Amino acid sequence: MNKSELVASMADKTGLKKVDVEKVLKAFTETVADELKKGEKIQLVGFGTFEVAERPAREGRNPRTGETMKIAASKAPKFKAGKALKDSIN
């Protein structure tokens, strides 16, 4: 499912116009991104948790040459599904 299909599905389920649903979806994704940038965690009970995973600096290898190289520390977004979401899938 892509974004336009998601918007259409949400519009059908809520009875809202696609334009309004798209605004809500955009606001949701921007809010999640902004909070994760601040290092905050977003918990939606029954759905899941969005948080930031800290990846420490480490040494890796260049697959072509076999040389060791340093990989810088980084942060990555992480989503952990909640129990209700997991149960609804199984």
C-alpha atoms as a PDB file:
ATOM      1  CA  MET A   1       0.000   0.000   0.000  1.00  0.00           C
ATOM      2  CA  ASN A   2       1.398   3.390  -0.932  1.00  0.00           C
ATOM      3  CA  LYS A   3       0.552   6.806   0.506  1.00  0.00           C
ATOM      4  CA  SER A   4      -2.327   7.592  -1.864  1.00  0.00           C
ATOM      5  CA  GLU A   5      -3.912   4.185  -1.204  1.00  0.00           C
ATOM      6  CA  LEU A   6      -3.537   4.738   2.545  1.00  0.00           C
ATOM      7  CA  VAL A   7      -5.176   8.173   2.273  1.00  0.00           C
ATOM      8  CA  ALA A   8      -8.056   6.712   0.234  1.00  0.00           C
ATOM      9  CA  SER A   9      -8.586   3.896   2.747  1.00  0.00           C
ATOM     10  CA  MET A  10      -8.525   6.283   5.709  1.00  0.00           C
ATOM     11  CA  ALA A  11     -10.953   8.623   3.939  1.00  0.00           C
ATOM     12  CA  ASP A  12     -13.383   5.734   3.351  1.00  0.00           C
ATOM     13  CA  LYS A  13     -13.199   4.634   6.987  1.00  0.00           C
ATOM     14  CA  THR A  14     -13.558   8.111   8.502  1.00  0.00           C
ATOM     15  CA  GLY A  15     -15.897   9.783   6.029  1.00  0.00           C
ATOM     16  CA  LEU A  16     -13.470  12.691   5.686  1.00  0.00           C
ATOM     17  CA  LYS A  17     -12.301  14.166   2.391  1.00  0.00           C
ATOM     18  CA  LYS A  18      -9.034  12.844   0.985  1.00  0.00           C
ATOM     19  CA  VAL A  19      -7.519  16.334   1.196  1.00  0.00           C
ATOM     20  CA  ASP A  20      -8.265  16.515   4.925  1.00  0.00           C
ATOM     21  CA  VAL A  21      -6.944  13.002   5.561  1.00  0.00           C
ATOM     22  CA  GLU A  22      -3.742  13.839   3.694  1.00  0.00           C
ATOM     23  CA  LYS A  23      -3.250  16.914   5.925  1.00  0.00           C
ATOM     24  CA  VAL A  24      -3.767  14.787   9.041  1.00  0.00           C
ATOM     25  CA  LEU A  25      -1.348  12.112   7.811  1.00  0.00           C
ATOM     26  CA  LYS A  26       1.275  14.751   6.969  1.00  0.00           C
ATOM     27  CA  ALA A  27       0.859  16.368  10.400  1.00  0.00           C
ATOM     28  CA  PHE A  28       1.217  12.957  12.069  1.00  0.00           C
ATOM     29  CA  THR A  29       4.424  12.061  10.231  1.00  0.00           C
ATOM     30  CA  GLU A  30       5.933  15.523  10.827  1.00  0.00           C
ATOM     31  CA  THR A  31       5.076  15.362  14.530  1.00  0.00           C
ATOM     32  CA  VAL A  32       6.612  11.897  14.890  1.00  0.00           C
ATOM     33  CA  ALA A  33       9.771  13.030  13.080  1.00  0.00           C
ATOM     34  CA  ASP A  34      10.050  16.206  15.183  1.00  0.00           C
ATOM     35  CA  GLU A  35       9.686  14.314  18.458  1.00  0.00           C
ATOM     36  CA  LEU A  36      12.213  11.666  17.419  1.00  0.00           C
ATOM     37  CA  LYS A  37      14.690  14.435  16.506  1.00  0.00           C
ATOM     38  CA  LYS A  38      14.317  15.733  20.066  1.00  0.00           C
ATOM     39  CA  GLY A  39      15.059  12.241  21.382  1.00  0.00           C
ATOM     40  CA  GLU A  40      11.509  11.701  22.632  1.00  0.00           C
ATOM     41  CA  LYS A  41       9.531   8.476  22.471  1.00  0.00           C
ATOM     42  CA  ILE A  42       5.982   8.272  21.081  1.00  0.00           C
ATOM     43  CA  GLN A  43       3.807   5.534  22.525  1.00  0.00           C
ATOM     44  CA  LEU A  44       0.420   4.701  20.995  1.00  0.00           C
ATOM     45  CA  VAL A  45      -1.145   2.146  23.344  1.00  0.00           C
ATOM     46  CA  GLY A  46      -2.310  -0.896  21.424  1.00  0.00           C
ATOM     47  CA  PHE A  47      -0.487   0.137  18.247  1.00  0.00           C
ATOM     48  CA  GLY A  48       3.184   0.537  19.089  1.00  0.00           C
ATOM     49  CA  THR A  49       6.088   2.748  20.061  1.00  0.00           C
ATOM     50  CA  PHE A  50       8.292   4.981  17.935  1.00  0.00           C
ATOM     51  CA  GLU A  51      11.725   5.695  19.405  1.00  0.00           C
ATOM     52  CA  VAL A  52      15.322   6.449  18.481  1.00  0.00           C
ATOM     53  CA  ALA A  53      17.952   3.705  18.574  1.00  0.00           C
ATOM     54  CA  GLU A  54      21.511   4.838  19.280  1.00  0.00           C
ATOM     55  CA  ARG A  55      24.108   3.010  17.219  1.00  0.00           C
ATOM     56  CA  PRO A  56      27.638   3.305  18.605  1.00  0.00           C
ATOM     57  CA  ALA A  57      30.713   3.891  16.454  1.00  0.00           C
ATOM     58  CA  ARG A  58      32.315   0.660  15.291  1.00  0.00           C
ATOM     59  CA  GLU A  59      34.790  -0.815  12.894  1.00  0.00           C
ATOM     60  CA  GLY A  60      33.628  -2.421   9.681  1.00  0.00           C
ATOM     61  CA  ARG A  61      35.187  -3.854   6.564  1.00  0.00           C
ATOM     62  CA  ASN A  62      35.033  -2.654   2.994  1.00  0.00           C
ATOM     63  CA  PRO A  63      33.600  -5.683   1.159  1.00  0.00           C
ATOM     64  CA  ARG A  64      35.607  -4.995  -2.012  1.00  0.00           C
ATOM     65  CA  THR A  65      39.040  -4.447  -0.533  1.00  0.00           C
ATOM     66  CA  GLY A  66      38.755  -6.044   2.896  1.00  0.00           C
ATOM     67  CA  GLU A  67      40.172  -2.873   4.494  1.00  0.00           C
ATOM     68  CA  THR A  68      38.965  -2.000   7.965  1.00  0.00           C
ATOM     69  CA  MET A  69      37.144   1.292   8.221  1.00  0.00           C
ATOM     70  CA  LYS A  70      35.462   3.294  10.937  1.00  0.00           C
ATOM     71  CA  ILE A  71      31.687   3.581  10.913  1.00  0.00           C
ATOM     72  CA  ALA A  72      30.487   6.682  12.745  1.00  0.00           C
ATOM     73  CA  ALA A  73      27.929   6.590  15.537  1.00  0.00           C
ATOM     74  CA  SER A  74      24.399   7.268  14.364  1.00  0.00           C
ATOM     75  CA  LYS A  75      20.777   7.401  15.395  1.00  0.00           C
ATOM     76  CA  ALA A  76      18.029   5.444  13.664  1.00  0.00           C
ATOM     77  CA  PRO A  77      14.236   5.516  14.029  1.00  0.00           C
ATOM     78  CA  LYS A  78      12.766   2.341  15.472  1.00  0.00           C
ATOM     79  CA  PHE A  79       9.198   1.033  15.707  1.00  0.00           C
ATOM     80  CA  LYS A  80       8.125  -1.659  18.135  1.00  0.00           C
ATOM     81  CA  ALA A  81       4.647  -3.079  17.520  1.00  0.00           C
ATOM     82  CA  GLY A  82       2.254  -3.207  20.466  1.00  0.00           C
ATOM     83  CA  LYS A  83       0.501  -6.331  21.725  1.00  0.00           C
ATOM     84  CA  ALA A  84      -2.896  -5.461  20.224  1.00  0.00           C
ATOM     85  CA  LEU A  85      -1.331  -4.906  16.774  1.00  0.00           C
ATOM     86  CA  LYS A  86       0.596  -8.178  16.993  1.00  0.00           C
ATOM     87  CA  ASP A  87      -2.543 -10.036  18.094  1.00  0.00           C
ATOM     88  CA  SER A  88      -4.639  -8.579  15.269  1.00  0.00           C
ATOM     89  CA  ILE A  89      -2.138  -9.853  12.694  1.00  0.00           C
ATOM     90  CA  ASN A  90      -1.896 -13.390  14.067  1.00  0.00           C
END
